[in-house]
Structure formats: C-alpha cells, structure tokens
C-alpha cells in the first residue's frame, strides 16, 4: 500500500512539486519565527549573565535611560547590611555623534528600525565607586577583548571616553578606517578623546559610551542631585534575591532587580510573544492544509476510474481511504523535509550577515516540530479527499471518470 501511494505521487511530478512548495513555505515560516525567538532569548540571556550585581532604578522604569533616582540614595544604600559596593550611574540617549542623530542614521541611511538598536547610549560612571566593583562589565570586556585602558580617577571631569569597537566602526575617521585609541569623537557639541576600546559581542551592550559621571550630566542634561541608576554588589552574590527584597522594603519606589529576576520577567514576556507567534503560524498552517485539500481533491477527481477499477477488483472503502491518506501524508513528509532543509540553509546564510551576538539556529526540537507539523498537516488535508474517493460506488466511479 505504501509503495503504491508513493508511486502515485511520482507519476504526477509537477503537481507534487507545486504542492511541496505550497506546504513547505508555512513550515519554513514556523521554523524561521521560532528561530528568531530563540535568538533573542539567547542574546538577552547571555547579556544578563555578564551582570552579577543588582541594578536599582525608579519603580516601573523599564530601562536606566528613562529612570531617575535621588543621588543621596547611594549614601543610604552603603549603610544597609549586606551591601559591599554602591556605584551611581547616569544614563541617557547620546546626542548626535559626529553629527549623526537617530534621523540621519535611521531614515537617511536607510537603516530604518535597525538604527534603534544601534543608537549610542551614554553611561556616566562615578569612577571611584566603580573602581571598587568586582563585576563591572565594561572594564572586564576591555581587559579580556579590548585595548587601551579603562577610566581612572585621573579622568574625573575630563572628556576622556571608552567606546566599543562597534562604535569605532560605525563612526569611522575621515579616511574610512575605524577610530583608534587617541582619536577624537564629537558627541553633541563637545569633542572627546578615546582612551579605551572594549568589545562584549552583545548588540545590547556595544552601543554604550562610557565617561565620567559629571561629564555625562552635562552631555545628557541631568542635574547633580539626580542619578539614573545605582549598581549594587552584595557581600554574597548568591543572596541577591534577599538583598533585593531588603532594598525595596527600605526604599519604597525603588526597583532592585537581580539579573535572575530580569531574565525570568523577560522569559514571561517571550512566552507571550511565542503564543502570538503561534496564532500567526496557525493561520499559515491552515492555508497549507487548504492547499493540500485542493491538491488531493484534484488528484482524486482525475483518478475516479482508477478507484472504480480497484473497487471492482476487491479493494474495500477502507483500502481506498488508506491509499489516498497515505499519499497525502507522504506529501506532508516530503514538504517537511524540504522546509527543514530550507530553514537550515537559510539560517546559515543569514548568520553570515548578523553580528552583535545574534545567532539564528535550528535546533533538533524545531526540526522535530517541523516534521511533525508537516505530516499532521498532510494527513489532515487528505482526509476529506480520501473519504470522498472511498464512498463512490465502483461503477459510478468508472462512469464519472470516463467523462
């Protein structure tokens, strides 16, 4: 039965190929969407894993860039039991860098929405406090995979900055080469000197321009009595959740987020995104099933005489039903193989053009899901045509097929 069903598909190659294209595209879309979802999860997870302390922001502020806290809070935090280090920070969207603001980088350069992720951000650090940290991200990135030096107390009040290698490439020198140590960089209406280049490999971190906190206040227009966020290290990094609770109880209106909490919240958000993706995917799968039904209906209509002859030779309704359903299931299986192959090839090609820690991948679980969906879609799409073919009376089927 299986060999007979397979041979029937091969005798109509054009129709089989068109059906494969129609069904493999939804499978490719399913795997592509979930591959992007996994890539975002991995990017955020890898980025958050670099941050070992607590990030304090104003309650309900989703980012330090839009947060504001009283500067005196840092002194109060240092008196709290279990706190080892407190480092105030000022964050803000950078003014135009080398004359290129969001409009120029986005609309005029045809980058579009991608420019939002490339928008440089200013991080002003209280240098003495940050030198006392054990888990500072940017000094570690510079030491492990950078060049030059990080900011020291000698840089307080100066226009020295540390930038990423990505920003050095995005804002090249006049000769087109990336900016190097000792080069200047115009931010807003001021000129800064690059003393260090870091590289984290994360598109979420490699847009940060690090400078002294007082200099940053002038650049992003923040008053001396205000900070954007405060980075806190506890005496026991394994007890961050308890320290977070104590801080939020002691200082109402403050969110003390450990990275485990942030990652959990982000996981919940991505869960909602996945459910939305499933709704979109379901529509594509329905279209695929309709395509299978149409293909199999046309196939069975053309073969009424064949089914009539088979019935007169002893085939039962169940045999006809099984034959057509098997053909449809095989069509789904082939479509799944084509869709999975396209997904593997597509992600491999796209990854060559991606950077910033974003990596698309097709996991074995995705491949299994794609194959299962394709077979189920093929089987479901063949049930009605199979039932229609099986219920025909043998002589009636021969009569209809002969016309």
Protein backbone atom coordinates (compact mmCIF):
# COMPACT_ATOMS: atom_id res chain seq x y z
CA UNK A 1 0.00 0.00 0.00
CA UNK A 2 2.76 2.40 0.93
CA UNK A 3 4.74 1.67 -2.23
CA UNK A 4 1.62 2.13 -4.35
CA UNK A 5 0.89 5.50 -2.69
CA UNK A 6 4.48 6.65 -3.20
CA UNK A 7 4.40 5.67 -6.89
CA UNK A 8 1.20 7.65 -7.41
CA UNK A 9 2.97 10.81 -6.23
CA UNK A 10 5.91 10.22 -8.56
CA UNK A 11 3.68 9.75 -11.60
CA UNK A 12 2.46 13.36 -11.25
CA UNK A 13 5.76 15.22 -10.60
CA UNK A 14 4.60 18.76 -11.46
CA UNK A 15 1.58 18.65 -9.18
CA UNK A 16 3.65 17.05 -6.43
CA UNK A 17 6.33 19.75 -6.71
CA UNK A 18 3.75 22.57 -6.59
CA UNK A 19 2.13 21.01 -3.53
CA UNK A 20 5.55 20.68 -1.88
CA UNK A 21 6.24 24.38 -2.42
CA UNK A 22 2.84 25.36 -1.03
CA UNK A 23 3.25 23.29 2.14
CA UNK A 24 6.98 23.75 2.77
CA UNK A 25 6.68 27.56 2.90
CA UNK A 26 4.46 27.53 6.05
CA UNK A 27 6.85 25.01 7.66
CA UNK A 28 9.78 27.28 6.80
CA UNK A 29 7.88 30.24 8.30
CA UNK A 30 7.20 28.35 11.53
CA UNK A 31 10.84 27.40 11.99
CA UNK A 32 12.05 30.86 11.00
CA UNK A 33 9.84 32.64 13.53
CA UNK A 34 10.82 30.37 16.39
CA UNK A 35 14.47 30.58 15.39
CA UNK A 36 14.31 34.38 15.75
CA UNK A 37 12.54 33.99 19.11
CA UNK A 38 15.28 31.68 20.38
CA UNK A 39 17.98 34.02 19.09
CA UNK A 40 16.51 36.93 21.07
CA UNK A 41 16.26 34.74 24.18
CA UNK A 42 19.88 33.66 23.87
CA UNK A 43 21.10 37.21 23.23
CA UNK A 44 19.35 38.63 26.29
CA UNK A 45 20.31 35.65 28.46
CA UNK A 46 23.97 35.91 27.50
CA UNK A 47 23.95 39.67 28.07
CA UNK A 48 22.32 39.41 31.51
CA UNK A 49 24.71 36.65 32.57
CA UNK A 50 27.53 39.21 32.49
CA UNK A 51 25.84 41.34 35.17
CA UNK A 52 26.30 39.82 38.62
CA UNK A 53 25.01 42.59 40.89
CA UNK A 54 21.71 44.43 41.35
CA UNK A 55 20.52 47.29 39.16
CA UNK A 56 18.47 49.87 41.03
CA UNK A 57 16.09 52.06 39.05
CA UNK A 58 12.93 54.01 39.65
CA UNK A 59 9.91 51.76 40.12
CA UNK A 60 8.34 50.68 36.81
CA UNK A 61 11.19 52.15 34.76
CA UNK A 62 11.97 49.54 32.09
CA UNK A 63 15.48 50.92 31.46
CA UNK A 64 18.05 53.09 33.28
CA UNK A 65 17.80 55.50 30.35
CA UNK A 66 14.29 56.53 31.46
CA UNK A 67 14.90 56.26 35.21
CA UNK A 68 15.75 58.90 37.81
CA UNK A 69 16.73 58.47 41.46
CA UNK A 70 17.93 60.90 44.12
CA UNK A 71 21.73 60.96 44.24
CA UNK A 72 21.70 60.83 48.07
CA UNK A 73 20.23 57.32 47.86
CA UNK A 74 23.74 55.96 47.20
CA UNK A 75 24.94 57.04 50.66
CA UNK A 76 21.87 55.48 52.31
CA UNK A 77 22.46 52.20 50.48
CA UNK A 78 26.05 51.95 51.72
CA UNK A 79 24.71 51.79 55.31
CA UNK A 80 22.45 48.81 54.53
CA UNK A 81 23.67 45.42 55.87
CA UNK A 82 24.82 43.02 53.16
CA UNK A 83 25.87 45.75 50.72
CA UNK A 84 29.53 45.62 49.64
CA UNK A 85 29.72 48.27 46.90
CA UNK A 86 27.45 51.02 45.56
CA UNK A 87 28.11 52.69 42.20
CA UNK A 88 25.85 55.53 40.95
CA UNK A 89 25.37 55.94 37.19
CA UNK A 90 23.85 58.47 34.79
CA UNK A 91 22.38 57.10 31.57
CA UNK A 92 20.91 58.81 28.53
CA UNK A 93 20.46 58.60 24.79
CA UNK A 94 23.55 60.15 23.27
CA UNK A 95 23.16 63.40 21.34
CA UNK A 96 24.26 63.29 17.69
CA UNK A 97 27.63 61.55 17.37
CA UNK A 98 29.80 63.03 14.62
CA UNK A 99 26.70 64.93 13.55
CA UNK A 100 24.66 61.74 13.08
CA UNK A 101 21.49 61.57 15.13
CA UNK A 102 18.71 58.99 15.01
CA UNK A 103 17.13 60.65 11.94
CA UNK A 104 20.34 60.60 9.92
CA UNK A 105 21.34 57.06 10.95
CA UNK A 106 17.82 55.68 10.50
CA UNK A 107 15.90 57.38 7.73
CA UNK A 108 18.61 58.99 5.65
CA UNK A 109 20.96 55.98 5.83
CA UNK A 110 18.13 53.53 5.04
CA UNK A 111 18.77 51.61 8.26
CA UNK A 112 15.18 52.03 9.39
CA UNK A 113 14.25 50.22 12.61
CA UNK A 114 17.73 48.69 12.86
CA UNK A 115 19.05 52.14 13.83
CA UNK A 116 17.08 51.98 17.08
CA UNK A 117 19.29 49.11 18.22
CA UNK A 118 22.42 50.96 17.06
CA UNK A 119 21.58 54.21 18.84
CA UNK A 120 24.57 55.15 21.03
CA UNK A 121 23.88 55.47 24.75
CA UNK A 122 25.89 57.49 27.29
CA UNK A 123 26.83 55.84 30.58
CA UNK A 124 28.28 58.22 33.11
CA UNK A 125 30.03 56.39 35.93
CA UNK A 126 31.08 57.57 39.36
CA UNK A 127 34.67 56.45 38.80
CA UNK A 128 35.84 55.93 42.44
CA UNK A 129 32.74 53.84 43.19
CA UNK A 130 33.07 51.76 40.03
CA UNK A 131 36.73 51.02 40.73
CA UNK A 132 35.51 49.24 43.86
CA UNK A 133 33.28 46.87 41.90
CA UNK A 134 34.22 43.24 41.29
CA UNK A 135 31.75 42.55 38.46
CA UNK A 136 31.87 45.67 36.30
CA UNK A 137 31.00 44.63 32.75
CA UNK A 138 32.86 47.14 30.62
CA UNK A 139 36.27 47.04 32.38
CA UNK A 140 36.17 43.24 32.15
CA UNK A 141 35.28 43.35 28.44
CA UNK A 142 38.13 45.79 27.77
CA UNK A 143 40.59 43.64 29.67
CA UNK A 144 39.52 40.38 28.01
CA UNK A 145 38.94 41.55 24.45
CA UNK A 146 39.83 45.19 24.04
CA UNK A 147 42.68 47.66 24.04
CA UNK A 148 43.77 50.79 25.83
CA UNK A 149 42.67 51.43 29.39
CA UNK A 150 39.52 51.98 31.35
CA UNK A 151 38.63 55.20 33.14
CA UNK A 152 40.58 56.04 36.30
CA UNK A 153 40.20 58.78 38.87
CA UNK A 154 42.53 60.92 36.75
CA UNK A 155 39.71 61.03 34.17
CA UNK A 156 37.21 62.70 36.52
CA UNK A 157 35.82 65.85 34.96
CA UNK A 158 37.65 65.21 31.67
CA UNK A 159 36.37 64.43 28.18
CA UNK A 160 38.03 61.01 28.01
CA UNK A 161 35.74 58.17 26.95
CA UNK A 162 35.76 54.41 26.46
CA UNK A 163 33.76 53.14 23.48
CA UNK A 164 33.13 49.78 21.81
CA UNK A 165 34.89 48.57 18.71
CA UNK A 166 31.45 48.52 17.09
CA UNK A 167 31.03 52.26 17.66
CA UNK A 168 34.57 52.79 16.39
CA UNK A 169 33.49 51.12 13.14
CA UNK A 170 30.10 52.85 13.00
CA UNK A 171 31.71 56.30 13.28
CA UNK A 172 34.94 55.94 11.29
CA UNK A 173 37.64 58.51 10.73
CA UNK A 174 37.75 60.70 7.62
CA UNK A 175 39.79 58.04 5.80
CA UNK A 176 37.06 55.45 6.43
CA UNK A 177 39.05 53.41 8.96
CA UNK A 178 37.68 52.65 12.45
CA UNK A 179 38.59 55.09 15.17
CA UNK A 180 41.61 54.16 17.24
CA UNK A 181 42.99 54.97 20.67
CA UNK A 182 43.83 58.65 20.91
CA UNK A 183 41.35 59.67 18.20
CA UNK A 184 38.67 62.21 18.98
CA UNK A 185 34.91 61.71 18.81
CA UNK A 186 32.40 64.54 18.64
CA UNK A 187 29.35 63.96 20.84
CA UNK A 188 26.83 66.76 20.65
CA UNK A 189 28.83 69.98 20.61
CA UNK A 190 31.82 68.60 22.54
CA UNK A 191 34.92 66.71 21.45
CA UNK A 192 36.01 63.63 23.41
CA UNK A 193 39.22 61.59 23.38
CA UNK A 194 39.09 57.78 23.11
CA UNK A 195 41.29 56.15 25.77
CA UNK A 196 39.89 52.60 25.59
CA UNK A 197 38.08 50.22 23.26
CA UNK A 198 36.00 47.34 24.63
CA UNK A 199 34.04 44.55 22.95
CA UNK A 200 31.33 42.48 24.62
CA UNK A 201 29.92 40.88 21.47
CA UNK A 202 26.38 41.87 22.50
CA UNK A 203 24.43 44.37 20.44
CA UNK A 204 22.70 45.45 23.67
CA UNK A 205 25.98 46.48 25.32
CA UNK A 206 28.22 47.51 22.44
CA UNK A 207 26.36 50.80 21.93
CA UNK A 208 27.48 52.32 25.24
CA UNK A 209 29.85 55.29 25.50
CA UNK A 210 31.41 55.29 28.99
CA UNK A 211 32.54 58.57 30.55
CA UNK A 212 32.83 60.31 33.91
CA UNK A 213 29.50 60.88 35.64
CA UNK A 214 29.89 64.67 35.92
CA UNK A 215 30.76 64.94 32.23
CA UNK A 216 27.77 62.75 31.38
CA UNK A 217 25.47 65.05 33.36
CA UNK A 218 26.39 67.88 31.01
CA UNK A 219 26.05 65.74 27.89
CA UNK A 220 22.58 64.32 28.66
CA UNK A 221 21.42 67.28 30.80
CA UNK A 222 20.95 65.61 34.19
CA UNK A 223 21.17 67.59 37.43
CA UNK A 224 23.74 66.96 40.16
CA UNK A 225 21.09 65.78 42.61
CA UNK A 226 19.87 63.01 40.29
CA UNK A 227 21.23 59.70 39.03
CA UNK A 228 19.64 57.28 36.57
CA UNK A 229 20.51 54.05 38.32
CA UNK A 230 22.69 52.60 41.05
CA UNK A 231 24.65 49.38 40.67
CA UNK A 232 24.88 47.42 43.92
CA UNK A 233 27.08 44.46 44.81
CA UNK A 234 26.26 42.40 47.86
CA UNK A 235 28.69 40.70 50.20
CA UNK A 236 27.23 37.39 48.99
CA UNK A 237 26.36 37.28 45.28
CA UNK A 238 24.33 34.13 45.84
CA UNK A 239 22.00 36.06 48.12
CA UNK A 240 20.99 38.77 45.65
CA UNK A 241 17.27 37.97 45.85
CA UNK A 242 17.16 38.53 49.61
CA UNK A 243 19.22 41.73 49.28
CA UNK A 244 16.85 42.95 46.57
CA UNK A 245 13.87 42.45 48.87
CA UNK A 246 15.56 44.32 51.73
CA UNK A 247 16.40 47.27 49.47
CA UNK A 248 12.85 47.52 48.10
CA UNK A 249 11.42 47.36 51.64
CA UNK A 250 13.82 50.02 52.91
CA UNK A 251 13.38 52.37 49.95
CA UNK A 252 9.81 52.44 48.55
CA UNK A 253 9.57 53.48 44.92
CA UNK A 254 12.83 51.72 44.01
CA UNK A 255 13.14 48.58 41.90
CA UNK A 256 16.17 46.45 42.82
CA UNK A 257 16.49 43.95 40.01
CA UNK A 258 18.79 40.98 40.08
CA UNK A 259 19.54 39.53 36.69
CA UNK A 260 17.72 36.30 37.57
CA UNK A 261 14.57 38.33 38.12
CA UNK A 262 15.06 40.28 34.90
CA UNK A 263 15.63 37.09 32.96
CA UNK A 264 12.53 35.49 34.47
CA UNK A 265 10.43 38.54 33.56
CA UNK A 266 11.87 38.51 30.07
CA UNK A 267 11.11 34.80 29.79
CA UNK A 268 7.47 35.50 30.67
CA UNK A 269 7.36 38.24 28.05
CA UNK A 270 8.82 35.94 25.41
CA UNK A 271 6.23 33.32 26.40
CA UNK A 272 3.50 35.80 25.41
CA UNK A 273 5.39 36.54 22.19
CA UNK A 274 5.57 32.82 21.41
CA UNK A 275 1.83 32.49 21.88
CA UNK A 276 1.30 35.39 19.49
CA UNK A 277 3.64 33.71 17.02
CA UNK A 278 1.62 30.53 17.32
CA UNK A 279 -1.53 32.42 16.31
CA UNK A 280 0.25 33.79 13.24
CA UNK A 281 1.70 30.38 12.46
CA UNK A 282 -1.70 28.74 12.82
CA UNK A 283 -3.06 30.90 10.01
CA UNK A 284 -0.17 29.83 7.78
CA UNK A 285 -0.77 26.18 8.65
CA UNK A 286 -4.46 26.49 7.82
CA UNK A 287 -3.51 27.88 4.41
CA UNK A 288 -1.16 24.91 3.96
CA UNK A 289 -3.90 22.42 4.84
CA UNK A 290 -6.30 24.09 2.39
CA UNK A 291 -3.62 23.76 -0.29
CA UNK A 292 -3.23 20.05 0.46
CA UNK A 293 -7.01 19.53 0.31
CA UNK A 294 -7.17 21.28 -3.05
CA UNK A 295 -4.28 19.24 -4.45
CA UNK A 296 -5.65 15.92 -3.25
CA UNK A 297 -9.18 16.74 -4.45
CA UNK A 298 -7.86 17.42 -7.95
CA UNK A 299 -5.81 14.24 -7.81
CA UNK A 300 -8.68 12.03 -6.69
CA UNK A 301 -11.11 13.60 -9.19
CA UNK A 302 -8.79 12.68 -12.05
CA UNK A 303 -8.48 9.10 -10.75
CA UNK A 304 -12.12 8.10 -10.27
CA UNK A 305 -11.77 5.43 -12.96
CA UNK A 306 -8.70 4.02 -11.19
CA UNK A 307 -10.56 3.87 -7.88
CA UNK A 308 -13.55 2.20 -9.55
CA UNK A 309 -11.34 -0.47 -11.11
CA UNK A 310 -9.63 -1.08 -7.76
CA UNK A 311 -13.01 -1.46 -6.04
CA UNK A 312 -14.24 -3.96 -8.67
CA UNK A 313 -11.03 -5.94 -8.03
CA UNK A 314 -11.78 -6.36 -4.37
CA UNK A 315 -10.48 -3.18 -2.75
CA UNK A 316 -12.65 -2.00 0.13
CA UNK A 317 -13.60 1.57 1.05
CA UNK A 318 -11.02 1.35 3.82
CA UNK A 319 -8.30 0.45 1.31
CA UNK A 320 -9.10 3.48 -0.85
CA UNK A 321 -9.27 5.69 2.23
CA UNK A 322 -5.88 4.42 3.39
CA UNK A 323 -4.29 4.84 -0.04
CA UNK A 324 -5.28 8.49 -0.50
CA UNK A 325 -4.48 9.37 3.11
CA UNK A 326 -1.03 7.78 2.75
CA UNK A 327 -0.38 9.80 -0.41
CA UNK A 328 -1.29 12.97 1.44
CA UNK A 329 0.85 12.02 4.47
CA UNK A 330 3.83 11.27 2.19
CA UNK A 331 3.31 14.67 0.58
CA UNK A 332 3.40 16.25 4.04
CA UNK A 333 6.56 14.29 4.92
CA UNK A 334 8.32 15.49 1.77
CA UNK A 335 7.23 19.05 2.46
CA UNK A 336 8.63 18.81 5.98
CA UNK A 337 11.99 17.60 4.66
CA UNK A 338 12.10 20.46 2.14
CA UNK A 339 11.04 23.04 4.76
CA UNK A 340 13.65 21.83 7.27
CA UNK A 341 16.38 21.84 4.62
CA UNK A 342 15.45 25.40 3.60
CA UNK A 343 15.43 26.50 7.24
CA UNK A 344 18.91 25.06 7.86
CA UNK A 345 20.29 26.62 4.69
CA UNK A 346 18.53 29.95 5.30
CA UNK A 347 19.75 30.41 8.87
CA UNK A 348 23.29 29.51 7.79
CA UNK A 349 23.24 32.20 5.10
CA UNK A 350 21.57 34.85 7.28
CA UNK A 351 24.04 34.28 10.14
CA UNK A 352 26.85 35.43 7.86
CA UNK A 353 25.28 38.88 7.81
CA UNK A 354 24.35 39.10 11.51
CA UNK A 355 26.52 40.50 14.27
CA UNK A 356 26.17 41.77 17.81
CA UNK A 357 25.69 38.38 19.42
CA UNK A 358 22.58 37.49 17.38
CA UNK A 359 22.72 33.96 16.03
CA UNK A 360 19.85 32.15 14.37
CA UNK A 361 19.77 28.40 14.81
CA UNK A 362 17.53 25.46 14.05
CA UNK A 363 17.51 23.07 16.99
CA UNK A 364 16.66 19.35 16.83
CA UNK A 365 13.43 20.19 18.68
CA UNK A 366 12.49 22.66 15.91
CA UNK A 367 13.28 20.08 13.24
CA UNK A 368 11.11 17.51 15.02
CA UNK A 369 8.31 20.05 15.37
CA UNK A 370 8.54 20.97 11.69
CA UNK A 371 8.41 17.35 10.58
CA UNK A 372 5.53 16.53 12.91
CA UNK A 373 3.52 19.55 11.77
CA UNK A 374 4.06 18.75 8.11
CA UNK A 375 2.96 15.13 8.47
CA UNK A 376 -0.08 16.12 10.53
CA UNK A 377 -1.00 18.81 8.02
CA UNK A 378 -0.62 16.38 5.13
CA UNK A 379 -2.73 13.74 6.84
CA UNK A 380 -5.48 16.17 7.83
CA UNK A 381 -5.52 17.69 4.36
CA UNK A 382 -6.01 14.27 2.78
CA UNK A 383 -8.87 13.02 4.96
CA UNK A 384 -11.72 14.70 3.09
CA UNK A 385 -10.48 13.82 -0.42
CA UNK A 386 -9.86 10.23 0.78
CA UNK A 387 -13.37 9.97 2.24
CA UNK A 388 -14.87 11.40 -0.94
CA UNK A 389 -12.99 8.91 -3.10
CA UNK A 390 -13.79 5.93 -0.86
CA UNK A 391 -17.54 6.46 -0.73
CA UNK A 392 -18.03 6.28 -4.51
CA UNK A 393 -19.83 3.20 -5.85
CA UNK A 394 -17.37 1.30 -8.16
CA UNK A 395 -19.41 1.54 -11.38
CA UNK A 396 -20.35 5.16 -10.69
CA UNK A 397 -16.69 5.99 -10.17
CA UNK A 398 -15.81 4.38 -13.53
CA UNK A 399 -18.65 6.22 -15.26
CA UNK A 400 -17.70 9.63 -13.80
CA UNK A 401 -14.01 9.08 -14.51
CA UNK A 402 -14.64 8.16 -18.14
CA UNK A 403 -16.26 11.52 -18.93
